[in-house]
PDB file of N, CA and C in Angstrom:
ATOM      1  N   MET A   1      28.927  -0.601 -32.202  1.00  0.00           N
ATOM      2  CA  MET A   1      28.062  -1.575 -32.135  1.00  0.00           C
ATOM      3  C   MET A   1      27.655  -2.123 -30.746  1.00  0.00           C
ATOM      4  N   ARG A   2      29.140  -2.399 -30.056  1.00  0.00           N
ATOM      5  CA  ARG A   2      28.850  -3.126 -28.522  1.00  0.00           C
ATOM      6  C   ARG A   2      28.534  -2.076 -27.540  1.00  0.00           C
ATOM      7  N   SER A   3      28.901  -0.949 -27.906  1.00  0.00           N
ATOM      8  CA  SER A   3      28.365   0.236 -26.954  1.00  0.00           C
ATOM      9  C   SER A   3      26.928   0.428 -26.943  1.00  0.00           C
ATOM     10  N   ASP A   4      26.418   0.319 -28.108  1.00  0.00           N
ATOM     11  CA  ASP A   4      24.894   0.353 -28.413  1.00  0.00           C
ATOM     12  C   ASP A   4      24.142  -0.857 -27.635  1.00  0.00           C
ATOM     13  N   ASN A   5      24.712  -1.987 -27.741  1.00  0.00           N
ATOM     14  CA  ASN A   5      24.073  -2.907 -27.106  1.00  0.00           C
ATOM     15  C   ASN A   5      24.134  -3.039 -25.565  1.00  0.00           C
ATOM     16  N   LYS A   6      25.405  -2.346 -24.984  1.00  0.00           N
ATOM     17  CA  LYS A   6      25.437  -2.271 -23.694  1.00  0.00           C
ATOM     18  C   LYS A   6      24.517  -1.169 -23.245  1.00  0.00           C
ATOM     19  N   ALA A   7      24.444   0.145 -23.885  1.00  0.00           N
ATOM     20  CA  ALA A   7      23.301   1.134 -23.461  1.00  0.00           C
ATOM     21  C   ALA A   7      22.071   0.589 -23.748  1.00  0.00           C
ATOM     22  N   LEU A   8      21.718  -0.372 -24.702  1.00  0.00           N
ATOM     23  CA  LEU A   8      20.395  -0.819 -24.583  1.00  0.00           C
ATOM     24  C   LEU A   8      20.055  -1.772 -23.427  1.00  0.00           C
ATOM     25  N   GLY A   9      21.101  -2.448 -23.180  1.00  0.00           N
ATOM     26  CA  GLY A   9      20.710  -3.286 -22.147  1.00  0.00           C
ATOM     27  C   GLY A   9      20.662  -2.616 -20.766  1.00  0.00           C
ATOM     28  N   ALA A  10      21.487  -1.493 -20.462  1.00  0.00           N
ATOM     29  CA  ALA A  10      21.157  -0.701 -19.302  1.00  0.00           C
ATOM     30  C   ALA A  10      19.753  -0.158 -19.377  1.00  0.00           C
ATOM     31  N   VAL A  11      19.401   0.297 -20.470  1.00  0.00           N
ATOM     32  CA  VAL A  11      17.839   1.092 -20.437  1.00  0.00           C
ATOM     33  C   VAL A  11      16.789  -0.063 -20.130  1.00  0.00           C
ATOM     34  N   SER A  12      17.243  -1.324 -20.886  1.00  0.00           N
ATOM     35  CA  SER A  12      16.323  -2.472 -20.626  1.00  0.00           C
ATOM     36  C   SER A  12      16.187  -2.728 -19.257  1.00  0.00           C
ATOM     37  N   ASP A  13      17.374  -2.735 -18.429  1.00  0.00           N
ATOM     38  CA  ASP A  13      17.438  -2.961 -17.014  1.00  0.00           C
ATOM     39  C   ASP A  13      16.730  -2.009 -16.029  1.00  0.00           C
ATOM     40  N   ALA A  14      16.913  -0.748 -16.492  1.00  0.00           N
ATOM     41  CA  ALA A  14      16.393   0.327 -15.507  1.00  0.00           C
ATOM     42  C   ALA A  14      14.775   0.294 -15.816  1.00  0.00           C
ATOM     43  N   LEU A  15      14.225   0.023 -17.218  1.00  0.00           N
ATOM     44  CA  LEU A  15      12.755  -0.307 -17.396  1.00  0.00           C
ATOM     45  C   LEU A  15      12.326  -1.306 -16.474  1.00  0.00           C
ATOM     46  N   GLY A  16      13.270  -2.576 -16.592  1.00  0.00           N
ATOM     47  CA  GLY A  16      12.513  -3.556 -15.585  1.00  0.00           C
ATOM     48  C   GLY A  16      12.435  -3.047 -14.317  1.00  0.00           C
ATOM     49  N   LEU A  17      13.248  -2.532 -13.512  1.00  0.00           N
ATOM     50  CA  LEU A  17      13.461  -2.098 -12.420  1.00  0.00           C
ATOM     51  C   LEU A  17      12.409  -0.808 -11.890  1.00  0.00           C
ATOM     52  N   GLY A  18      12.089  -0.135 -12.630  1.00  0.00           N
ATOM     53  CA  GLY A  18      10.896   0.937 -12.824  1.00  0.00           C
ATOM     54  C   GLY A  18       9.749  -0.153 -12.746  1.00  0.00           C
ATOM     55  N   ALA A  19       9.588  -1.153 -13.455  1.00  0.00           N
ATOM     56  CA  ALA A  19       8.402  -1.853 -13.756  1.00  0.00           C
ATOM     57  C   ALA A  19       8.008  -2.549 -12.298  1.00  0.00           C
ATOM     58  N   ALA A  20       9.314  -3.092 -12.023  1.00  0.00           N
ATOM     59  CA  ALA A  20       8.941  -3.795 -10.521  1.00  0.00           C
ATOM     60  C   ALA A  20       8.463  -2.977  -9.242  1.00  0.00           C
ATOM     61  N   LYS A  21       9.201  -1.612  -9.687  1.00  0.00           N
ATOM     62  CA  LYS A  21       8.627  -0.618  -8.293  1.00  0.00           C
ATOM     63  C   LYS A  21       7.037  -0.233  -8.814  1.00  0.00           C
ATOM     64  N   VAL A  22       6.835  -0.183  -9.632  1.00  0.00           N
ATOM     65  CA  VAL A  22       5.214   0.353 -10.043  1.00  0.00           C
ATOM     66  C   VAL A  22       4.354  -1.280  -9.597  1.00  0.00           C
ATOM     67  N   ASP A  23       4.992  -2.455  -9.908  1.00  0.00           N
ATOM     68  CA  ASP A  23       4.105  -3.537  -9.436  1.00  0.00           C
ATOM     69  C   ASP A  23       3.891  -3.539  -7.991  1.00  0.00           C
ATOM     70  N   THR A  24       5.045  -3.099  -7.094  1.00  0.00           N
ATOM     71  CA  THR A  24       5.137  -3.007  -5.549  1.00  0.00           C
ATOM     72  C   THR A  24       4.161  -2.080  -5.175  1.00  0.00           C
ATOM     73  N   ALA A  25       4.259  -0.972  -5.718  1.00  0.00           N
ATOM     74  CA  ALA A  25       3.030   0.064  -5.307  1.00  0.00           C
ATOM     75  C   ALA A  25       1.795  -0.238  -5.620  1.00  0.00           C
ATOM     76  N   TYR A  26       1.626  -0.852  -6.768  1.00  0.00           N
ATOM     77  CA  TYR A  26       0.361  -1.182  -7.264  1.00  0.00           C
ATOM     78  C   TYR A  26      -0.216  -2.402  -6.216  1.00  0.00           C
ATOM     79  N   THR A  27       0.337  -3.155  -5.905  1.00  0.00           N
ATOM     80  CA  THR A  27      -0.075  -4.271  -4.909  1.00  0.00           C
ATOM     81  C   THR A  27      -0.431  -3.372  -3.601  1.00  0.00           C
ATOM     82  N   ALA A  28       0.372  -2.785  -2.889  1.00  0.00           N
ATOM     83  CA  ALA A  28      -0.021  -2.034  -1.691  1.00  0.00           C
ATOM     84  C   ALA A  28      -1.237  -1.252  -2.154  1.00  0.00           C
ATOM     85  N   MET A  29      -1.256  -0.629  -3.078  1.00  0.00           N
ATOM     86  CA  MET A  29      -2.338   0.224  -3.364  1.00  0.00           C
ATOM     87  C   MET A  29      -3.944  -0.795  -3.193  1.00  0.00           C
ATOM     88  N   ALA A  30      -3.637  -1.617  -4.094  1.00  0.00           N
ATOM     89  CA  ALA A  30      -4.776  -2.500  -4.160  1.00  0.00           C
ATOM     90  C   ALA A  30      -5.033  -3.292  -2.695  1.00  0.00           C
ATOM     91  N   ASN A  31      -3.983  -3.519  -1.867  1.00  0.00           N
ATOM     92  CA  ASN A  31      -4.507  -3.861  -0.578  1.00  0.00           C
ATOM     93  C   ASN A  31      -5.068  -2.926   0.263  1.00  0.00           C
ATOM     94  N   ALA A  32      -4.483  -1.271   0.046  1.00  0.00           N
ATOM     95  CA  ALA A  32      -5.323  -0.589   1.068  1.00  0.00           C
ATOM     96  C   ALA A  32      -6.355  -0.069   0.615  1.00  0.00           C
ATOM     97  N   ILE A  33      -6.669  -0.446  -0.916  1.00  0.00           N
ATOM     98  CA  ILE A  33      -8.316   0.015  -1.444  1.00  0.00           C
ATOM     99  C   ILE A  33      -9.250  -0.970  -0.656  1.00  0.00           C
ATOM    100  N   ASP A  34      -8.687  -2.226  -0.328  1.00  0.00           N
ATOM    101  CA  ASP A  34      -9.663  -3.452   0.079  1.00  0.00           C
ATOM    102  C   ASP A  34      -9.628  -2.804   1.644  1.00  0.00           C
ATOM    103  N   VAL A  35      -8.757  -2.272   2.308  1.00  0.00           N
ATOM    104  CA  VAL A  35      -9.126  -1.985   3.759  1.00  0.00           C
ATOM    105  C   VAL A  35     -10.000  -0.838   3.956  1.00  0.00           C
ATOM    106  N   VAL A  36      -9.910   0.252   2.996  1.00  0.00           N
ATOM    107  CA  VAL A  36     -10.434   1.263   2.913  1.00  0.00           C
ATOM    108  C   VAL A  36     -12.091   0.977   2.548  1.00  0.00           C
ATOM    109  N   GLY A  37     -12.418  -0.225   1.802  1.00  0.00           N
ATOM    110  CA  GLY A  37     -13.863  -0.645   1.857  1.00  0.00           C
ATOM    111  C   GLY A  37     -14.307  -1.291   2.967  1.00  0.00           C
ATOM    112  N   GLU A  38     -13.238  -1.746   3.864  1.00  0.00           N
ATOM    113  CA  GLU A  38     -13.870  -2.579   5.096  1.00  0.00           C
ATOM    114  C   GLU A  38     -14.222  -1.311   5.922  1.00  0.00           C
ATOM    115  N   ILE A  39     -13.377  -0.205   6.103  1.00  0.00           N
ATOM    116  CA  ILE A  39     -13.254   0.683   6.966  1.00  0.00           C
ATOM    117  C   ILE A  39     -14.895   1.599   6.598  1.00  0.00           C
ATOM    118  N   LYS A  40     -15.060   1.436   5.427  1.00  0.00           N
ATOM    119  CA  LYS A  40     -16.302   2.228   4.829  1.00  0.00           C
ATOM    120  C   LYS A  40     -17.510   1.338   5.380  1.00  0.00           C
ATOM    121  N   ALA A  41     -17.465  -0.112   4.938  1.00  0.00           N
ATOM    122  CA  ALA A  41     -18.615  -0.870   5.390  1.00  0.00           C
ATOM    123  C   ALA A  41     -18.862  -0.539   7.290  1.00  0.00           C
ATOM    124  N   LYS A  42     -17.708  -0.642   7.850  1.00  0.00           N
ATOM    125  CA  LYS A  42     -17.931  -0.546   9.340  1.00  0.00           C
ATOM    126  C   LYS A  42     -18.382   0.841   9.541  1.00  0.00           C
ATOM    127  N   ILE A  43     -18.045   1.889   9.159  1.00  0.00           N
ATOM    128  CA  ILE A  43     -18.920   3.314   9.118  1.00  0.00           C
ATOM    129  C   ILE A  43     -20.256   3.188   8.778  1.00  0.00           C
ATOM    130  N   VAL A  44     -20.603   2.346   7.718  1.00  0.00           N
ATOM    131  CA  VAL A  44     -22.070   2.167   7.426  1.00  0.00           C
ATOM    132  C   VAL A  44     -22.704   1.496   8.598  1.00  0.00           C
ATOM    133  N   ALA A  45     -22.155   0.443   8.847  1.00  0.00           N
ATOM    134  CA  ALA A  45     -22.725  -0.399  10.097  1.00  0.00           C
ATOM    135  C   ALA A  45     -22.985   0.485  11.422  1.00  0.00           C
ATOM    136  N   ALA A  46     -21.975   1.364  11.492  1.00  0.00           N
ATOM    137  CA  ALA A  46     -22.156   2.025  12.658  1.00  0.00           C
ATOM    138  C   ALA A  46     -23.561   3.105  12.964  1.00  0.00           C
ATOM    139  N   THR A  47     -23.943   3.397  11.493  1.00  0.00           N
ATOM    140  CA  THR A  47     -24.975   3.959  11.826  1.00  0.00           C
ATOM    141  C   THR A  47     -26.366   3.393  11.855  1.00  0.00           C
ATOM    142  N   GLU A  48     -26.307   2.318  12.097  1.00  0.00           N
ATOM    143  CA  GLU A  48     -27.645   1.489  12.631  1.00  0.00           C
ATOM    144  C   GLU A  48     -27.869   1.605  13.971  1.00  0.00           C
ATOM    145  N   ASN A  49     -29.077   1.347  14.518  1.00  0.00           N
ATOM    146  CA  ASN A  49     -29.635   1.288  15.684  1.00  0.00           C
ATOM    147  C   ASN A  49     -29.009   0.190  16.561  1.00  0.00           C
ATOM    148  N   GLY A  50     -28.510   0.313  17.599  1.00  0.00           N
ATOM    149  CA  GLY A  50     -28.354  -0.875  18.496  1.00  0.00           C
ATOM    150  C   GLY A  50     -26.994  -1.401  17.917  1.00  0.00           C
ATOM    151  N   VAL A  51     -26.308  -0.735  17.363  1.00  0.00           N
ATOM    152  CA  VAL A  51     -24.561  -1.160  17.110  1.00  0.00           C
ATOM    153  C   VAL A  51     -23.925  -0.639  18.040  1.00  0.00           C
ATOM    154  N   ASP A  52     -23.215  -1.518  18.645  1.00  0.00           N
ATOM    155  CA  ASP A  52     -21.900  -0.927  19.552  1.00  0.00           C
ATOM    156  C   ASP A  52     -20.964  -0.055  19.016  1.00  0.00           C
ATOM    157  N   LYS A  53     -20.947   1.227  18.932  1.00  0.00           N
ATOM    158  CA  LYS A  53     -20.134   2.256  18.065  1.00  0.00           C
ATOM    159  C   LYS A  53     -18.743   2.278  18.505  1.00  0.00           C
ATOM    160  N   LYS A  54     -18.367   1.763  20.020  1.00  0.00           N
ATOM    161  CA  LYS A  54     -17.178   1.678  20.488  1.00  0.00           C
ATOM    162  C   LYS A  54     -16.474   0.637  20.096  1.00  0.00           C
ATOM    163  N   LYS A  55     -17.194  -0.671  19.702  1.00  0.00           N
ATOM    164  CA  LYS A  55     -16.487  -1.840  19.219  1.00  0.00           C
ATOM    165  C   LYS A  55     -16.132  -1.827  17.764  1.00  0.00           C
ATOM    166  N   VAL A  56     -17.088  -0.825  17.091  1.00  0.00           N
ATOM    167  CA  VAL A  56     -16.898  -0.575  15.474  1.00  0.00           C
ATOM    168  C   VAL A  56     -15.611   0.364  15.418  1.00  0.00           C
ATOM    169  N   GLN A  57     -15.782   1.361  16.480  1.00  0.00           N
ATOM    170  CA  GLN A  57     -14.327   2.272  16.382  1.00  0.00           C
ATOM    171  C   GLN A  57     -13.115   1.560  16.497  1.00  0.00           C
ATOM    172  N   GLU A  58     -13.027   0.577  17.395  1.00  0.00           N
ATOM    173  CA  GLU A  58     -11.896  -0.068  17.756  1.00  0.00           C
ATOM    174  C   GLU A  58     -11.689  -1.107  16.701  1.00  0.00           C
ATOM    175  N   GLU A  59     -12.373  -1.442  15.879  1.00  0.00           N
ATOM    176  CA  GLU A  59     -12.379  -2.114  14.636  1.00  0.00           C
ATOM    177  C   GLU A  59     -11.621  -1.304  13.665  1.00  0.00           C
ATOM    178  N   ILE A  60     -12.093  -0.109  13.442  1.00  0.00           N
ATOM    179  CA  ILE A  60     -11.886   0.889  12.331  1.00  0.00           C
ATOM    180  C   ILE A  60     -10.298   1.410  12.694  1.00  0.00           C
ATOM    181  N   ASP A  61      -9.940   1.525  14.178  1.00  0.00           N
ATOM    182  CA  ASP A  61      -8.741   1.713  14.717  1.00  0.00           C
ATOM    183  C   ASP A  61      -7.648   0.673  14.022  1.00  0.00           C
ATOM    184  N   GLN A  62      -8.172  -0.623  14.171  1.00  0.00           N
ATOM    185  CA  GLN A  62      -7.485  -1.551  13.938  1.00  0.00           C
ATOM    186  C   GLN A  62      -6.922  -1.524  12.399  1.00  0.00           C
ATOM    187  N   LEU A  63      -8.148  -1.204  11.609  1.00  0.00           N
ATOM    188  CA  LEU A  63      -8.007  -0.978  10.182  1.00  0.00           C
ATOM    189  C   LEU A  63      -7.007  -0.020   9.571  1.00  0.00           C
ATOM    190  N   GLN A  64      -6.952   1.027  10.467  1.00  0.00           N
ATOM    191  CA  GLN A  64      -6.274   1.972  10.173  1.00  0.00           C
ATOM    192  C   GLN A  64      -4.834   1.929  10.446  1.00  0.00           C
ATOM    193  N   ASP A  65      -4.535   1.453  11.315  1.00  0.00           N
ATOM    194  CA  ASP A  65      -3.365   0.813  11.583  1.00  0.00           C
ATOM    195  C   ASP A  65      -2.689  -0.553  10.472  1.00  0.00           C
ATOM    196  N   GLN A  66      -3.776  -1.368   9.951  1.00  0.00           N
ATOM    197  CA  GLN A  66      -3.257  -2.013   9.086  1.00  0.00           C
ATOM    198  C   GLN A  66      -2.918  -1.132   7.559  1.00  0.00           C
ATOM    199  N   LEU A  67      -3.353  -0.128   7.542  1.00  0.00           N
ATOM    200  CA  LEU A  67      -3.208   0.759   6.280  1.00  0.00           C
ATOM    201  C   LEU A  67      -1.943   1.123   6.640  1.00  0.00           C
ATOM    202  N   VAL A  68      -1.438   1.625   7.731  1.00  0.00           N
ATOM    203  CA  VAL A  68      -0.085   2.181   7.828  1.00  0.00           C
ATOM    204  C   VAL A  68       1.096   1.208   7.501  1.00  0.00           C
ATOM    205  N   SER A  69       0.543   0.039   7.960  1.00  0.00           N
ATOM    206  CA  SER A  69       1.348  -1.010   7.896  1.00  0.00           C
ATOM    207  C   SER A  69       1.532  -1.211   6.630  1.00  0.00           C
ATOM    208  N   ILE A  70       0.585  -1.347   5.655  1.00  0.00           N
ATOM    209  CA  ILE A  70       0.629  -1.622   4.024  1.00  0.00           C
ATOM    210  C   ILE A  70       1.667  -0.460   3.785  1.00  0.00           C
ATOM    211  N   ALA A  71       1.490   0.736   3.739  1.00  0.00           N
ATOM    212  CA  ALA A  71       2.483   1.622   3.366  1.00  0.00           C
ATOM    213  C   ALA A  71       3.630   1.685   3.824  1.00  0.00           C
ATOM    214  N   GLN A  72       3.766   1.244   5.121  1.00  0.00           N
ATOM    215  CA  GLN A  72       5.391   1.276   5.406  1.00  0.00           C
ATOM    216  C   GLN A  72       5.915  -0.060   4.932  1.00  0.00           C
ATOM    217  N   SER A  73       5.259  -1.356   4.483  1.00  0.00           N
ATOM    218  CA  SER A  73       6.285  -2.447   4.045  1.00  0.00           C
ATOM    219  C   SER A  73       5.984  -2.563   2.641  1.00  0.00           C
ATOM    220  N   ALA A  74       5.536  -1.389   2.091  1.00  0.00           N
ATOM    221  CA  ALA A  74       5.569  -1.768   0.612  1.00  0.00           C
ATOM    222  C   ALA A  74       7.388  -1.085   0.323  1.00  0.00           C
ATOM    223  N   SER A  75       7.933  -2.244   0.306  1.00  0.00           N
ATOM    224  CA  SER A  75       9.223  -1.598  -0.384  1.00  0.00           C
ATOM    225  C   SER A  75       9.907  -2.734  -1.506  1.00  0.00           C
ATOM    226  N   PHE A  76      10.741  -2.037  -2.026  1.00  0.00           N
ATOM    227  CA  PHE A  76      11.421  -2.688  -3.158  1.00  0.00           C
ATOM    228  C   PHE A  76      12.965  -2.223  -3.294  1.00  0.00           C
ATOM    229  N   SER A  77      13.788  -3.726  -3.154  1.00  0.00           N
ATOM    230  CA  SER A  77      15.117  -3.446  -2.830  1.00  0.00           C
ATOM    231  C   SER A  77      15.984  -2.497  -2.107  1.00  0.00           C
ATOM    232  N   GLY A  78      15.265  -2.534  -1.011  1.00  0.00           N
ATOM    233  CA  GLY A  78      15.424  -1.926   0.555  1.00  0.00           C
ATOM    234  C   GLY A  78      15.288  -0.419   0.438  1.00  0.00           C
ATOM    235  N   GLU A  79      14.402   0.005  -0.459  1.00  0.00           N
ATOM    236  CA  GLU A  79      13.861   1.450  -0.628  1.00  0.00           C
ATOM    237  C   GLU A  79      12.672   1.428   0.315  1.00  0.00           C
ATOM    238  N   THR A  80      12.770   2.604   0.974  1.00  0.00           N
ATOM    239  CA  THR A  80      11.251   2.666   2.222  1.00  0.00           C
ATOM    240  C   THR A  80      10.053   2.683   1.760  1.00  0.00           C
ATOM    241  N   GLY A  81       9.158   2.457   2.194  1.00  0.00           N
ATOM    242  CA  GLY A  81       7.845   1.917   2.025  1.00  0.00           C
ATOM    243  C   GLY A  81       7.077   3.708   1.403  1.00  0.00           C
ATOM    244  N   LEU A  82       5.743   3.647   1.341  1.00  0.00           N
ATOM    245  CA  LEU A  82       5.109   4.508   0.991  1.00  0.00           C
ATOM    246  C   LEU A  82       4.981   5.679   2.003  1.00  0.00           C
ATOM    247  N   LEU A  83       5.203   4.944   3.412  1.00  0.00           N
ATOM    248  CA  LEU A  83       5.288   6.400   4.315  1.00  0.00           C
ATOM    249  C   LEU A  83       6.338   6.214   5.052  1.00  0.00           C
ATOM    250  N   PRO A  84       7.127   7.097   5.751  1.00  0.00           N
ATOM    251  CA  PRO A  84       8.128   7.221   6.485  1.00  0.00           C
ATOM    252  C   PRO A  84       7.821   6.071   7.664  1.00  0.00           C
ATOM    253  N   LYS A  85       8.878   5.225   8.169  1.00  0.00           N
ATOM    254  CA  LYS A  85       8.704   4.488   9.545  1.00  0.00           C
ATOM    255  C   LYS A  85       7.923   5.229  10.605  1.00  0.00           C
ATOM    256  N   THR A  86       8.147   6.799  10.933  1.00  0.00           N
ATOM    257  CA  THR A  86       7.659   7.616  11.858  1.00  0.00           C
ATOM    258  C   THR A  86       6.339   7.797  11.912  1.00  0.00           C
ATOM    259  N   ALA A  87       5.601   7.317  10.874  1.00  0.00           N
ATOM    260  CA  ALA A  87       4.057   7.931  10.761  1.00  0.00           C
ATOM    261  C   ALA A  87       3.352   7.339  11.749  1.00  0.00           C
ATOM    262  N   PRO A  88       2.428   7.885  12.337  1.00  0.00           N
ATOM    263  CA  PRO A  88       1.490   7.627  13.302  1.00  0.00           C
ATOM    264  C   PRO A  88       0.851   6.213  13.191  1.00  0.00           C
TER     265      PRO A  88
END
């Protein structure tokens, strides 16, 4: 009976850890989706007449850097983020 309780405890711990990892990834993905939406808005704005396309591209570049940062910083218990640190 004790061994069953220990086994169930280990399974419960593993499930909790897995759920925490999924929560971390979900949060990172939600943030990334928001940034991609901003990039989309910038691209649409760039199609208008009289818009400084160079400035819009600079803003898009910053948003792309933000996406990389989100992916790299999404970590749990010391495990690496969604992208390796060597990503451009």
